Each structure stands twice: as structure tokens, then as C-alpha cells.
Amino acid sequence: MGGFNFVDMMKNLWHSTGFYQSSWQNYVMMLIACVLLFVGIGLKKEPLLLVPIGFGMLFVNIPGAYGILMKEPTVLEDGTSSAGGLLYYMEKGVEWVIFPPLIFLGIGAMTDFGPLIASPKSFICGAAAQLGIFFTLFGAIWIGFDGAQAAAISIIGGADGPTSIYVTTMLKQFDLLPAITVAAYSYMALIPIIQPPLMKWLTTKKERSVRMEQLRPVSKREKIVFPIVVTLVCGLIIPDSLPLLGMLMFGNLLKECLVADRLANTASNGLMNGVTIFLGICVGAKAFGDTFLTFDTLKIVALGLLAFVMGTVGGILVAKLMYLATKGKVNPLIGSAGVSAVPMAARVSQTVAQKEDPNNYLLMHAMGPNVAGVIGSAVAAGVLLSIFA
């Protein structure tokens, strides 16, 4: 009897191990998670987001872990309830759309809108870079996605991870959320690779060498009034943009008003960092093998690349028109910064410009379209939600 019990116990122990419960999807997803961790840690590309996302993906795809981490609380016979899994509670911040607006609050508290205020024409480049969103929207519908799915996929073109999460969640496309989020953040990390060839292909050496006039100084009063005016105007026109845009502007107002330094510091540091950790882990944990490893994921990755490319192309082409309209006073390279990956896209514009002229300092000029792109992606999200939600 004792021997039988021992064998039985060993059998139960073996059945509880991850090796017994594993499938090929688990190992593929763990490999993808390790690739994301390598990109974030080894290549130092978007590490603040790719490291939590990669670890969350690794976390949940260990065989047998999903049922433990995502366990729902249950009511017992005596009226008490059992505790749910760790990620069951954490993911409510994504499911209830709490985390993305808080990220925008932190972004606003860290962002200087001065270059955009000093050069309002930057709004044109920021708006043009949203071409990738609407081009991909129709492309996704054309290949078989329904309207809500296409809208969630197309927002990848805004080059803004929190916006992608927000729109996808609001449209209740939870099955698509892992693929959309991984695609959005991966392409954001690859901006220094994706954009330069397009920038050189669409511009001439003469255009890339243009030195722009120094931006005018922006007063503190302008910086305080700006977020209030943007919130009022955009809120009245597109109320669906307010959860993201309003929090972005509120964070910036905290930064610029100079009477709420502690709140601004909390929003841009402690709160921002904490929410980023939870958001990344929760999004990564949604990338479970059974739902992630599908043909639709490959289509989303391809459409995401199309969205990034078309967003970059739209911004550059409009900036080229501005170059012609101003008789050579605008460097078309700033148009590529119209995607909202702040400040990476602006730095890429600066890098490409300095390869033609090492003394050409384009960064602050590119920051205008870059910040306009953040606003533009939030507005585009509001437009999509007002149509498809």
C-alpha cells in the first residue's frame, strides 16, 4: 500500500509540472518573450515597456501558470469567496481602461509643448502623420476584418502604445489586444530602423540639408493657456478623445503652472513608473499561445508595419509641400516626426539631418510635429471610437 501511495504521489507531482502540461504553443511564446526581453535589455529599445511586456508574456506562458495567475475568485458554499489569481486583479486596470489615461497623464507632465506653440504649423505635420491610421483602417476592412477590429488595428499607425491599448479595449477587441500591443511597441522600438530609409527615399540631399530658423521664445502664460484651450476645443469637437487628450493636457498643466510641482513630479515619476510596470505585465500576460499564435496575428503585424510606413510617408510628403510653400525654409525631415513616438521620432529626424550636415540642429523643430503627433493620435482615437464604439 505504501509503495502504491508513493507511486501515486509521484504521478500527481509529475502531472502538476509544467513539462507535463506543456504544448508547442507554450515554448513558441516563451521564445517570443525572450526575444522581446533581448530587444529591451540587450538592444536597449523601448526597455521601459518591452521588458515588462516580455516578462509578462514569459510569466503567463509557463505551462500551468495561466490557470493560477488568471484564476477568477469563486464563491464557496459557506458564502465566503476564494481569492483570484495575481493577474486577475492587475488586469482590471487594462480591462476597465484605467492604465492608458494615467500613462498619458505622465507623458503630459514630462512633455514640453513649447516647440509646438512656437511653430503652430507643426500641427499640419502631426495631422498628416495620422494618414497611416486611416489608410490601414480601410486596408484591414478590405482583407476581412470588421469595422471595430479594423479600427483597433489601424491605431497602431499612431505609434503610441497606450492609445492602441485604449482603443482596442474600448472597442472590446480583447482577443486582438496582445498582437496589437506587441506590434505597436515593437515598431516603436524599430523606428530608428524603419524611418531613415523612407526619409532618404522621399527627400533630396538639398532638402535634408535645410537649416531652419531658430524658434521664438514661448512665454509661461502661453504654456499655461495652451493645454486648457486644447482640452476645450478638442473636447467640444470630439468628446471621445477626452480620456486620453484631457489627461495629457492635465499632466502638462501641472508641469507648467509651477504651483503643483509635487503633483507634476508624482505624475511624471512614481505614478508613471508604477502604471508602466502594471500595464506592461498585464498586456504581456494577455499574449497566451492559444489566442496569440494565429494567422490573424500575422496579418495584424503586417498591417501595423503598413500603418507605420504610411504615417511616416504622410508626414514627410506634407512637410515637402511646406518646404515648397516657404521656398525652402522647412526641412521635410521634420515631417517624419509627426508619429507620436516621443522623443524617438524627433531624434531620428535630427540624426538623418546631421548625416548631411553635422552642424544642422533639427531636434527642437522636429519636436513640434512629434508633440503634435501625440495630440493627433489621441484625436484620431476619439474619431474611431465615435464611429465604431
Protein backbone atom coordinates (compact mmCIF):
# COMPACT_ATOMS: atom_id res chain seq x y z
CA MET A 1 0.00 0.00 0.00
CA GLY A 2 2.80 2.36 0.94
CA GLY A 3 4.54 1.75 -2.39
CA PHE A 4 1.33 2.39 -4.27
CA ASN A 5 0.84 5.67 -2.43
CA PHE A 6 4.37 6.73 -3.25
CA VAL A 7 3.90 5.99 -6.93
CA ASP A 8 0.56 7.74 -6.88
CA MET A 9 2.10 10.81 -5.26
CA MET A 10 4.92 10.89 -7.80
CA LYS A 11 2.38 10.60 -10.61
CA ASN A 12 0.38 13.52 -9.20
CA LEU A 13 3.56 15.55 -8.84
CA TRP A 14 4.53 14.83 -12.45
CA HIS A 15 1.06 15.79 -13.68
CA SER A 16 1.35 19.12 -11.87
CA THR A 17 4.63 20.08 -13.53
CA GLY A 18 4.86 22.42 -16.45
CA PHE A 19 6.60 19.74 -18.53
CA TYR A 20 3.52 17.51 -18.40
CA GLN A 21 1.08 20.34 -19.15
CA SER A 22 3.14 21.96 -21.90
CA SER A 23 2.29 22.31 -25.57
CA TRP A 24 4.28 23.63 -28.52
CA GLN A 25 2.47 26.99 -28.17
CA ASN A 26 3.98 27.46 -24.72
CA TYR A 27 7.52 27.08 -26.00
CA VAL A 28 6.97 29.34 -29.00
CA MET A 29 5.50 32.07 -26.81
CA MET A 30 8.34 31.75 -24.29
CA LEU A 31 10.78 32.15 -27.17
CA ILE A 32 8.96 35.28 -28.39
CA ALA A 33 9.03 36.62 -24.82
CA CYS A 34 12.79 36.10 -24.66
CA VAL A 35 13.20 37.94 -27.98
CA LEU A 36 11.27 40.92 -26.59
CA LEU A 37 13.43 40.84 -23.46
CA PHE A 38 16.56 40.78 -25.63
CA VAL A 39 15.35 43.76 -27.67
CA GLY A 40 14.55 45.70 -24.50
CA ILE A 41 17.61 44.74 -22.44
CA GLY A 42 20.25 43.77 -24.97
CA LEU A 43 19.44 46.32 -27.69
CA LYS A 44 18.03 48.91 -25.25
CA LYS A 45 14.99 49.57 -27.46
CA GLU A 46 11.92 50.78 -25.52
CA PRO A 47 13.13 48.87 -22.41
CA LEU A 48 10.63 50.50 -20.03
CA LEU A 49 7.81 48.80 -21.92
CA LEU A 50 9.30 45.80 -23.72
CA VAL A 51 10.87 44.40 -20.54
CA PRO A 52 7.55 44.28 -18.58
CA ILE A 53 5.65 43.07 -21.67
CA GLY A 54 8.22 40.38 -22.40
CA PHE A 55 8.32 39.19 -18.80
CA GLY A 56 4.51 39.18 -18.55
CA MET A 57 4.40 37.05 -21.70
CA LEU A 58 7.02 34.69 -20.28
CA PHE A 59 5.22 34.64 -16.93
CA VAL A 60 1.84 33.51 -18.25
CA ASN A 61 3.08 31.06 -20.89
CA ILE A 62 4.96 28.83 -18.46
CA PRO A 63 2.89 25.63 -18.70
CA GLY A 64 0.27 25.52 -15.97
CA ALA A 65 0.82 29.11 -14.88
CA TYR A 66 -2.13 30.64 -16.75
CA GLY A 67 -4.78 28.96 -14.61
CA ILE A 68 -3.01 30.06 -11.43
CA LEU A 69 -2.23 33.66 -12.40
CA MET A 70 -5.56 34.38 -14.10
CA LYS A 71 -7.79 32.42 -11.70
CA GLU A 72 -11.15 34.07 -11.06
CA PRO A 73 -12.41 34.35 -7.47
CA THR A 74 -15.21 31.89 -6.66
CA VAL A 75 -17.95 31.95 -4.05
CA LEU A 76 -17.74 28.99 -1.67
CA GLU A 77 -20.63 27.08 -0.10
CA ASP A 78 -20.27 28.90 3.21
CA GLY A 79 -20.74 32.27 1.50
CA THR A 80 -17.09 33.28 1.55
CA SER A 81 -15.09 33.73 -1.63
CA SER A 82 -11.71 32.36 -2.64
CA ALA A 83 -9.02 34.77 -3.81
CA GLY A 84 -8.40 35.23 -7.51
CA GLY A 85 -5.03 34.99 -9.23
CA LEU A 86 -2.50 37.81 -9.13
CA LEU A 87 -3.02 38.93 -12.72
CA TYR A 88 -6.82 38.63 -12.48
CA TYR A 89 -6.81 41.75 -10.33
CA MET A 90 -3.96 43.57 -12.05
CA GLU A 91 -5.51 43.27 -15.49
CA LYS A 92 -8.59 45.19 -14.37
CA GLY A 93 -6.52 48.31 -14.93
CA VAL A 94 -6.47 47.39 -18.62
CA GLU A 95 -9.97 45.93 -18.84
CA TRP A 96 -11.53 48.94 -17.11
CA VAL A 97 -9.37 51.34 -19.20
CA ILE A 98 -7.59 52.91 -16.24
CA PHE A 99 -3.92 52.48 -17.11
CA PRO A 100 -3.71 54.16 -20.58
CA PRO A 101 -5.13 57.56 -19.46
CA LEU A 102 -2.77 57.51 -16.46
CA ILE A 103 0.14 56.93 -18.83
CA PHE A 104 -1.00 59.99 -20.79
CA LEU A 105 -1.08 61.98 -17.55
CA GLY A 106 2.58 61.11 -17.01
CA ILE A 107 3.51 61.87 -20.62
CA GLY A 108 1.89 65.28 -20.33
CA ALA A 109 3.82 66.02 -17.13
CA MET A 110 7.09 65.19 -18.91
CA THR A 111 6.46 66.95 -22.23
CA ASP A 112 7.38 70.46 -23.30
CA PHE A 113 4.81 71.81 -25.75
CA GLY A 114 6.96 74.90 -26.37
CA PRO A 115 8.20 73.87 -29.86
CA LEU A 116 4.61 73.21 -30.97
CA ILE A 117 3.37 76.54 -29.57
CA ALA A 118 6.27 78.39 -31.20
CA SER A 119 5.55 76.77 -34.57
CA PRO A 120 1.81 76.03 -34.92
CA LYS A 121 2.35 74.78 -38.47
CA SER A 122 3.74 71.66 -36.82
CA PHE A 123 0.11 70.65 -36.27
CA ILE A 124 -0.13 70.06 -40.02
CA CYS A 125 2.71 67.52 -39.95
CA GLY A 126 1.25 65.85 -36.86
CA ALA A 127 -2.14 65.56 -38.55
CA ALA A 128 -0.64 64.28 -41.81
CA ALA A 129 1.21 61.51 -39.98
CA GLN A 130 -2.16 60.09 -38.90
CA LEU A 131 -2.63 59.08 -42.55
CA GLY A 132 -1.23 55.69 -41.57
CA ILE A 133 -4.18 55.12 -39.22
CA PHE A 134 -6.92 55.77 -41.76
CA PHE A 135 -5.09 54.13 -44.67
CA THR A 136 -4.69 50.96 -42.60
CA LEU A 137 -8.31 51.16 -41.41
CA PHE A 138 -9.57 50.63 -44.96
CA GLY A 139 -6.83 48.08 -45.67
CA ALA A 140 -7.87 45.98 -42.66
CA ILE A 141 -11.54 46.10 -43.70
CA TRP A 142 -10.54 45.12 -47.23
CA ILE A 143 -8.79 41.92 -46.09
CA GLY A 144 -11.72 40.80 -43.94
CA PHE A 145 -11.68 42.43 -40.50
CA ASP A 146 -14.90 44.04 -39.33
CA GLY A 147 -15.10 47.77 -38.55
CA ALA A 148 -14.25 47.59 -34.84
CA GLN A 149 -11.38 45.16 -35.44
CA ALA A 150 -10.00 47.32 -38.26
CA ALA A 151 -10.21 50.44 -36.09
CA ALA A 152 -8.30 48.72 -33.27
CA ILE A 153 -5.61 47.51 -35.68
CA SER A 154 -5.26 50.80 -37.53
CA ILE A 155 -4.45 52.79 -34.39
CA ILE A 156 -1.03 51.08 -34.42
CA GLY A 157 -0.18 53.75 -37.00
CA GLY A 158 -0.35 56.39 -34.29
CA ALA A 159 2.96 54.99 -32.92
CA ASP A 160 1.53 55.23 -29.44
CA GLY A 161 1.22 52.10 -27.31
CA PRO A 162 -1.22 53.42 -24.65
CA THR A 163 -3.52 54.73 -27.40
CA SER A 164 -3.50 51.31 -29.07
CA ILE A 165 -4.38 49.64 -25.78
CA TYR A 166 -7.08 52.21 -25.05
CA VAL A 167 -8.85 51.96 -28.41
CA THR A 168 -8.63 48.16 -28.57
CA THR A 169 -10.05 47.83 -25.06
CA MET A 170 -12.82 50.37 -25.59
CA LEU A 171 -13.85 48.52 -28.74
CA LYS A 172 -13.83 45.25 -26.74
CA GLN A 173 -11.35 43.56 -29.07
CA PHE A 174 -9.64 41.69 -26.22
CA ASP A 175 -8.51 38.79 -28.42
CA LEU A 176 -6.59 41.21 -30.64
CA LEU A 177 -5.06 43.21 -27.77
CA PRO A 178 -1.82 41.19 -27.35
CA ALA A 179 -0.97 41.19 -31.06
CA ILE A 180 -1.84 44.89 -31.48
CA THR A 181 0.15 45.93 -28.41
CA VAL A 182 3.22 43.85 -29.23
CA ALA A 183 3.17 45.15 -32.80
CA ALA A 184 2.78 48.77 -31.66
CA TYR A 185 5.62 48.70 -29.14
CA SER A 186 7.89 46.60 -31.36
CA TYR A 187 7.57 49.02 -34.26
CA MET A 188 8.09 51.96 -31.90
CA ALA A 189 11.37 50.33 -30.86
CA LEU A 190 12.28 49.86 -34.54
CA ILE A 191 11.64 53.47 -35.59
CA PRO A 192 15.39 54.17 -35.98
CA ILE A 193 15.48 51.29 -38.48
CA ILE A 194 12.14 51.78 -40.26
CA GLN A 195 12.14 55.54 -40.81
CA PRO A 196 15.61 56.54 -42.19
CA PRO A 197 15.32 54.62 -45.50
CA LEU A 198 11.89 56.19 -46.12
CA MET A 199 13.21 59.64 -45.23
CA LYS A 200 16.12 59.35 -47.67
CA TRP A 201 13.92 57.88 -50.39
CA LEU A 202 11.34 60.69 -50.20
CA THR A 203 13.72 63.67 -49.84
CA THR A 204 16.69 65.09 -51.70
CA LYS A 205 20.09 65.91 -50.24
CA LYS A 206 19.28 69.60 -50.64
CA GLU A 207 16.03 69.22 -48.68
CA ARG A 208 17.71 67.22 -45.91
CA SER A 209 20.37 69.91 -45.57
CA VAL A 210 17.95 72.79 -44.90
CA ARG A 211 18.75 74.71 -41.72
CA MET A 212 15.60 76.10 -40.13
CA GLU A 213 15.41 79.41 -38.28
CA GLN A 214 15.60 79.32 -34.51
CA LEU A 215 12.20 79.01 -32.82
CA ARG A 216 10.86 82.03 -30.99
CA PRO A 217 10.79 82.00 -27.17
CA VAL A 218 7.48 80.85 -25.70
CA SER A 219 6.14 82.63 -22.62
CA LYS A 220 4.99 80.84 -19.49
CA ARG A 221 1.50 82.28 -19.98
CA GLU A 222 1.26 80.64 -23.41
CA LYS A 223 2.34 77.30 -21.97
CA ILE A 224 -0.33 77.51 -19.26
CA VAL A 225 -3.13 78.57 -21.60
CA PHE A 226 -2.29 76.01 -24.30
CA PRO A 227 -3.43 72.79 -22.51
CA ILE A 228 -6.63 74.48 -21.35
CA VAL A 229 -7.51 75.69 -24.85
CA VAL A 230 -6.67 72.36 -26.49
CA THR A 231 -8.82 70.48 -23.98
CA LEU A 232 -11.78 72.80 -24.54
CA VAL A 233 -11.56 72.86 -28.34
CA CYS A 234 -10.91 69.14 -28.89
CA GLY A 235 -13.34 68.16 -26.13
CA LEU A 236 -16.16 70.15 -27.71
CA ILE A 237 -15.47 68.73 -31.16
CA ILE A 238 -14.57 65.13 -30.25
CA PRO A 239 -15.58 64.27 -26.67
CA ASP A 240 -14.39 60.68 -27.12
CA SER A 241 -10.80 61.97 -27.20
CA LEU A 242 -11.01 63.45 -23.69
CA PRO A 243 -9.94 60.44 -21.57
CA LEU A 244 -6.56 60.45 -23.31
CA LEU A 245 -6.20 64.03 -24.50
CA GLY A 246 -7.64 65.53 -21.34
CA MET A 247 -5.25 63.59 -19.12
CA LEU A 248 -2.34 64.53 -21.40
CA MET A 249 -3.20 68.20 -21.11
CA PHE A 250 -3.86 67.98 -17.37
CA GLY A 251 -0.42 66.48 -16.83
CA ASN A 252 1.14 69.26 -18.89
CA LEU A 253 -0.78 71.92 -16.97
CA LEU A 254 0.58 70.50 -13.70
CA LYS A 255 4.07 70.85 -15.14
CA GLU A 256 3.72 74.36 -16.49
CA CYS A 257 1.64 76.12 -13.84
CA LEU A 258 4.54 75.98 -11.30
CA VAL A 259 2.17 75.77 -8.31
CA ALA A 260 1.70 71.98 -8.33
CA ASP A 261 5.28 70.73 -8.51
CA ARG A 262 4.65 67.78 -6.21
CA LEU A 263 1.73 66.61 -8.33
CA ALA A 264 3.74 67.04 -11.53
CA ASN A 265 6.67 65.10 -10.06
CA THR A 266 4.39 62.30 -8.88
CA ALA A 267 2.66 62.07 -12.26
CA SER A 268 5.92 62.00 -14.22
CA ASN A 269 7.86 59.71 -11.88
CA GLY A 270 6.25 57.46 -9.26
CA LEU A 271 2.80 57.14 -10.81
CA MET A 272 4.10 56.87 -14.37
CA ASN A 273 6.64 54.21 -13.45
CA GLY A 274 4.19 52.16 -11.39
CA VAL A 275 1.48 52.19 -14.05
CA THR A 276 4.03 51.34 -16.76
CA ILE A 277 5.06 48.21 -14.81
CA PHE A 278 1.48 47.02 -14.31
CA LEU A 279 0.40 47.88 -17.84
CA GLY A 280 3.35 46.09 -19.43
CA ILE A 281 2.98 42.90 -17.39
CA CYS A 282 -0.79 42.76 -17.94
CA VAL A 283 -0.53 43.29 -21.68
CA GLY A 284 2.22 40.68 -21.97
CA ALA A 285 0.15 38.26 -19.91
CA LYS A 286 -2.69 38.51 -22.43
CA ALA A 287 -0.38 37.09 -25.12
CA PHE A 288 -1.30 33.48 -24.40
CA GLY A 289 -0.27 30.93 -27.01
CA ASP A 290 -3.73 29.61 -27.89
CA THR A 291 -5.01 33.09 -28.84
CA PHE A 292 -1.78 34.75 -29.99
CA LEU A 293 -0.40 32.17 -32.42
CA THR A 294 -2.97 32.62 -35.17
CA PHE A 295 -2.97 33.79 -38.76
CA ASP A 296 -4.76 36.96 -37.65
CA THR A 297 -1.70 37.88 -35.58
CA LEU A 298 0.49 37.75 -38.70
CA LYS A 299 -1.99 39.95 -40.55
CA ILE A 300 -2.00 42.44 -37.66
CA VAL A 301 1.81 42.58 -37.63
CA ALA A 302 1.83 43.24 -41.40
CA LEU A 303 -0.88 45.88 -41.14
CA GLY A 304 0.97 47.51 -38.25
CA LEU A 305 4.08 47.88 -40.40
CA LEU A 306 1.94 49.35 -43.19
CA ALA A 307 0.46 51.83 -40.71
CA PHE A 308 3.90 52.98 -39.54
CA VAL A 309 5.21 53.34 -43.08
CA MET A 310 2.19 55.30 -44.31
CA GLY A 311 2.24 57.55 -41.24
CA THR A 312 5.88 58.40 -41.91
CA VAL A 313 5.22 58.92 -45.62
CA GLY A 314 2.22 61.18 -44.94
CA GLY A 315 4.20 63.40 -42.57
CA ILE A 316 7.17 63.72 -44.94
CA LEU A 317 5.06 64.49 -48.03
CA VAL A 318 3.17 67.27 -46.25
CA ALA A 319 6.45 68.67 -44.93
CA LYS A 320 7.75 68.67 -48.52
CA LEU A 321 4.74 70.77 -49.52
CA MET A 322 5.61 73.14 -46.66
CA TYR A 323 9.18 73.23 -47.98
CA LEU A 324 7.87 74.35 -51.37
CA ALA A 325 5.34 76.81 -49.91
CA THR A 326 8.00 78.51 -47.75
CA LYS A 327 10.59 78.47 -50.57
CA GLY A 328 12.96 76.15 -48.79
CA LYS A 329 12.62 77.27 -45.17
CA VAL A 330 11.18 74.00 -43.84
CA ASN A 331 13.26 70.83 -43.69
CA PRO A 332 10.99 67.97 -44.85
CA LEU A 333 12.65 65.60 -42.40
CA ILE A 334 10.61 67.06 -39.55
CA GLY A 335 7.51 65.52 -41.13
CA SER A 336 8.61 62.01 -40.17
CA ALA A 337 8.46 63.08 -36.50
CA GLY A 338 4.69 63.51 -36.84
CA VAL A 339 4.22 60.00 -35.50
CA SER A 340 3.77 60.23 -31.75
CA ALA A 341 6.76 58.23 -30.53
CA VAL A 342 8.17 60.99 -28.31
CA PRO A 343 11.04 61.87 -28.46
CA MET A 344 12.47 58.98 -30.51
CA ALA A 345 10.99 60.09 -33.84
CA ALA A 346 12.34 63.64 -33.36
CA ARG A 347 15.80 62.23 -32.60
CA VAL A 348 15.71 60.18 -35.80
CA SER A 349 14.97 63.38 -37.78
CA GLN A 350 17.94 65.04 -36.11
CA THR A 351 20.22 62.06 -36.82
CA VAL A 352 19.33 61.86 -40.52
CA ALA A 353 19.75 65.63 -40.93
CA GLN A 354 23.19 65.59 -39.30
CA LYS A 355 24.40 62.90 -41.68
CA GLU A 356 24.07 65.54 -44.40
CA ASP A 357 25.22 68.48 -42.27
CA PRO A 358 26.82 67.73 -38.88
CA ASN A 359 26.06 71.30 -37.72
CA ASN A 360 22.34 71.16 -38.52
CA TYR A 361 20.38 71.06 -35.24
CA LEU A 362 16.86 69.99 -36.16
CA LEU A 363 15.75 68.42 -32.88
CA MET A 364 13.63 71.26 -31.47
CA HIS A 365 11.96 71.83 -34.84
CA ALA A 366 11.14 68.12 -35.06
CA MET A 367 9.74 68.13 -31.52
CA GLY A 368 6.86 70.33 -32.72
CA PRO A 369 5.43 67.72 -35.13
CA ASN A 370 6.35 64.98 -32.64
CA VAL A 371 4.24 66.52 -29.86
CA ALA A 372 1.52 67.33 -32.40
CA GLY A 373 1.53 63.63 -33.27
CA VAL A 374 0.70 62.72 -29.67
CA ILE A 375 -2.27 65.07 -29.77
CA GLY A 376 -3.18 63.83 -33.25
CA SER A 377 -3.19 60.18 -32.23
CA ALA A 378 -5.48 60.94 -29.26
CA VAL A 379 -7.85 62.85 -31.54
CA ALA A 380 -7.75 60.04 -34.13
CA ALA A 381 -8.59 57.58 -31.35
CA GLY A 382 -11.59 59.72 -30.42
CA VAL A 383 -12.75 59.79 -34.05
CA LEU A 384 -12.51 55.99 -34.34
CA LEU A 385 -14.36 55.47 -31.08
CA SER A 386 -17.12 57.90 -32.04
CA ILE A 387 -17.66 55.89 -35.24
CA PHE A 388 -17.16 52.28 -34.15
CA ALA A 389 -17.74 52.11 -30.38
